[in-house]
Structure formats: C-alpha cells, structure tokens
C-alpha cells in the first residue's frame, strides 16, 4: 500500500520506467534461412528488413509486415528448429473475422494448406499453417465473439 506522497511519486516514476509495450520481435529457429524467409514472405507477406551475415554466410533475417506492426526474426539453428516441429509457438493477430476470411482466401489462392476458420476461446482462428520446419503458425482475431 502506498502511504505517502513520496511513495506515490516513486511508484509512478518506476511504473513509467518499467512499462512494456508488446513484443519488439519474436525469434524462431529455422533449418534453412532462405527457404524459411521465402515461405514467410510468400505466405504471410513479410519482407526482409535486416540480414545477419556471419563469416560471409547468411545466418538469419528479421522480417516485417507491410505496416511495420510486427517483426519476426529467423535464425539458422537446425537442431532447435527440429525440436519445435509440431509445436505452435506463434499466434499472429488479425483485427476482425472479416479480415480472417480474407486470409483464408489468400491462403487458398496460394495453395497453402490450413485448417480453416474455427472458434477460439474468445475469437476465431486459422490453424494448420505449417512452415518449412513443421512449426505451426496460427492467425487469431482480436475481435471477440459476442
């Protein structure tokens, strides 16, 4: 419990200094940076923003969406990528059910397999998007069901 004006001022200052504003980026291990970057570009519409070259070899990339609202980094780590196969560590936000339907149309037009639209715990989602390493990516609506 805050008991004095000094306590309140300190709490307010510390609260501002320790504020979080979402994710800066998410890093996923991949077995082949070029193949995975190509998949994330073709399927999710991401573009390479940064390349990480070590000893003359491309070892990773950071990719952004066109609106610069998210960044996904892909790092060549084949063993770790294999360990994530079959897991779903990444769920990307889609504003509305209508936007999710547009994603379904996009995925169908690209011939990308997916599980279709399903009800999630509070909104709707598309699951079954499998990247080149077998990692499942999901698209979830921010819009909830009423």
Protein backbone atom coordinates (compact mmCIF):
# COMPACT_ATOMS: atom_id res chain seq x y z
CA UNK A 1 0.00 0.00 0.00
CA UNK A 2 1.26 3.47 -0.91
CA UNK A 3 1.38 5.53 2.28
CA UNK A 4 2.89 8.92 1.39
CA UNK A 5 3.26 11.37 -1.45
CA UNK A 6 6.89 10.26 -1.78
CA UNK A 7 5.74 6.62 -2.15
CA UNK A 8 3.23 7.64 -4.82
CA UNK A 9 5.80 9.68 -6.80
CA UNK A 10 8.33 6.82 -6.64
CA UNK A 11 5.74 4.24 -7.70
CA UNK A 12 4.59 6.42 -10.62
CA UNK A 13 8.18 7.05 -11.82
CA UNK A 14 9.15 3.35 -11.57
CA UNK A 15 5.91 2.32 -13.30
CA UNK A 16 6.73 4.52 -16.30
CA UNK A 17 10.30 3.23 -16.44
CA UNK A 18 9.24 -0.42 -16.36
CA UNK A 19 6.37 -0.17 -18.83
CA UNK A 20 6.10 -2.84 -21.53
CA UNK A 21 4.63 -2.14 -24.97
CA UNK A 22 4.26 -5.53 -26.60
CA UNK A 23 6.95 -7.50 -28.36
CA UNK A 24 9.96 -6.00 -30.09
CA UNK A 25 10.36 -9.19 -32.12
CA UNK A 26 9.96 -12.95 -31.92
CA UNK A 27 12.88 -15.14 -32.97
CA UNK A 28 12.31 -18.60 -34.41
CA UNK A 29 14.98 -21.19 -35.15
CA UNK A 30 14.97 -22.50 -38.73
CA UNK A 31 16.93 -25.14 -40.59
CA UNK A 32 17.32 -23.09 -43.80
CA UNK A 33 17.13 -19.30 -43.56
CA UNK A 34 16.50 -18.72 -47.26
CA UNK A 35 13.76 -21.33 -47.55
CA UNK A 36 12.01 -20.14 -44.41
CA UNK A 37 12.30 -16.46 -45.34
CA UNK A 38 10.76 -17.30 -48.71
CA UNK A 39 7.84 -19.08 -47.01
CA UNK A 40 7.19 -16.23 -44.54
CA UNK A 41 7.34 -13.74 -47.42
CA UNK A 42 5.02 -15.71 -49.73
CA UNK A 43 2.54 -16.89 -47.11
CA UNK A 44 2.45 -14.06 -44.55
CA UNK A 45 3.54 -11.16 -46.74
CA UNK A 46 6.59 -10.32 -44.62
CA UNK A 47 9.65 -8.64 -46.10
CA UNK A 48 13.28 -8.92 -45.03
CA UNK A 49 14.25 -5.82 -43.05
CA UNK A 50 17.65 -6.96 -41.75
CA UNK A 51 20.06 -9.69 -42.83
CA UNK A 52 22.51 -11.22 -40.37
CA UNK A 53 25.64 -12.36 -42.22
CA UNK A 54 28.42 -14.13 -40.31
CA UNK A 55 31.66 -15.25 -41.94
CA UNK A 56 30.15 -14.46 -45.32
CA UNK A 57 27.11 -16.70 -44.73
CA UNK A 58 23.50 -15.62 -44.24
CA UNK A 59 22.66 -16.90 -40.74
CA UNK A 60 19.44 -15.03 -40.01
CA UNK A 61 16.93 -12.41 -41.07
CA UNK A 62 14.47 -10.09 -39.40
CA UNK A 63 11.22 -9.75 -41.33
CA UNK A 64 8.46 -7.14 -41.04
CA UNK A 65 4.89 -6.87 -42.17
CA UNK A 66 4.00 -4.01 -44.57
CA UNK A 67 2.51 -1.90 -41.73
CA UNK A 68 5.61 -2.34 -39.52
CA UNK A 69 3.46 -3.67 -36.68
CA UNK A 70 5.45 -6.85 -36.08
CA UNK A 71 8.88 -8.29 -36.64
CA UNK A 72 9.80 -11.97 -36.80
CA UNK A 73 13.45 -12.98 -36.75
CA UNK A 74 14.54 -16.28 -38.27
CA UNK A 75 17.84 -17.72 -37.05
CA UNK A 76 19.55 -20.72 -38.61
CA UNK A 77 19.61 -23.30 -35.84
CA UNK A 78 18.65 -26.68 -37.39
CA UNK A 79 18.63 -28.69 -34.15
CA UNK A 80 16.39 -26.22 -32.36
CA UNK A 81 14.15 -25.91 -35.40
CA UNK A 82 13.64 -29.69 -35.46
CA UNK A 83 12.74 -29.63 -31.76
CA UNK A 84 9.94 -27.09 -32.43
CA UNK A 85 8.40 -29.13 -35.25
CA UNK A 86 4.75 -29.89 -34.49
CA UNK A 87 4.55 -27.07 -31.92
CA UNK A 88 2.58 -23.80 -32.32
CA UNK A 89 4.69 -21.07 -30.68
CA UNK A 90 3.38 -18.15 -32.73
CA UNK A 91 -0.13 -16.73 -32.99
CA UNK A 92 -0.47 -13.59 -35.08
CA UNK A 93 -3.25 -11.07 -34.52
CA UNK A 94 -5.84 -10.34 -37.20
CA UNK A 95 -8.26 -7.48 -36.46
CA UNK A 96 -11.62 -9.00 -37.37
CA UNK A 97 -13.42 -12.11 -38.54
CA UNK A 98 -13.82 -10.47 -41.94
CA UNK A 99 -10.04 -9.98 -42.14
CA UNK A 100 -9.58 -13.63 -41.16
CA UNK A 101 -11.86 -14.60 -44.04
CA UNK A 102 -9.61 -12.55 -46.35
CA UNK A 103 -6.64 -14.55 -45.03
CA UNK A 104 -8.46 -17.76 -45.86
CA UNK A 105 -8.97 -16.53 -49.42
CA UNK A 106 -5.29 -15.53 -49.66
CA UNK A 107 -4.08 -18.89 -48.37
CA UNK A 108 -6.42 -20.77 -50.71
CA UNK A 109 -5.25 -18.68 -53.69
CA UNK A 110 -1.64 -19.51 -52.81
CA UNK A 111 -2.46 -23.20 -52.39
CA UNK A 112 -1.24 -23.11 -48.78
CA UNK A 113 -2.84 -25.82 -46.62
CA UNK A 114 -4.59 -24.66 -43.46
CA UNK A 115 -7.28 -25.86 -41.06
CA UNK A 116 -9.87 -23.22 -41.99
CA UNK A 117 -11.63 -20.86 -39.63
CA UNK A 118 -12.52 -22.23 -36.20
CA UNK A 119 -13.85 -20.78 -32.99
CA UNK A 120 -11.17 -19.98 -30.45
CA UNK A 121 -11.58 -19.32 -26.77
CA UNK A 122 -12.63 -15.68 -27.34
CA UNK A 123 -12.50 -15.09 -31.09
CA UNK A 124 -11.78 -17.03 -34.27
CA UNK A 125 -8.61 -18.52 -35.67
CA UNK A 126 -6.96 -20.22 -38.58
CA UNK A 127 -4.63 -23.02 -37.56
CA UNK A 128 -2.65 -25.53 -39.53
CA UNK A 129 -0.26 -23.11 -41.27
CA UNK A 130 2.92 -25.16 -41.25
CA UNK A 131 6.25 -23.51 -42.01
CA UNK A 132 9.12 -25.39 -43.73
CA UNK A 133 10.35 -26.77 -40.38
CA UNK A 134 6.95 -28.10 -39.31
CA UNK A 135 6.20 -25.22 -36.92
CA UNK A 136 2.53 -24.30 -36.82
CA UNK A 137 1.61 -20.62 -37.15
CA UNK A 138 -1.89 -19.52 -36.14
CA UNK A 139 -3.86 -16.41 -37.02
CA UNK A 140 -6.23 -15.19 -34.26
CA UNK A 141 -8.78 -12.41 -34.35
CA UNK A 142 -8.57 -9.54 -31.92
CA UNK A 143 -12.32 -9.25 -32.38
CA UNK A 144 -14.12 -11.46 -29.90
CA UNK A 145 -17.29 -13.47 -30.28
CA UNK A 146 -20.41 -11.96 -28.73
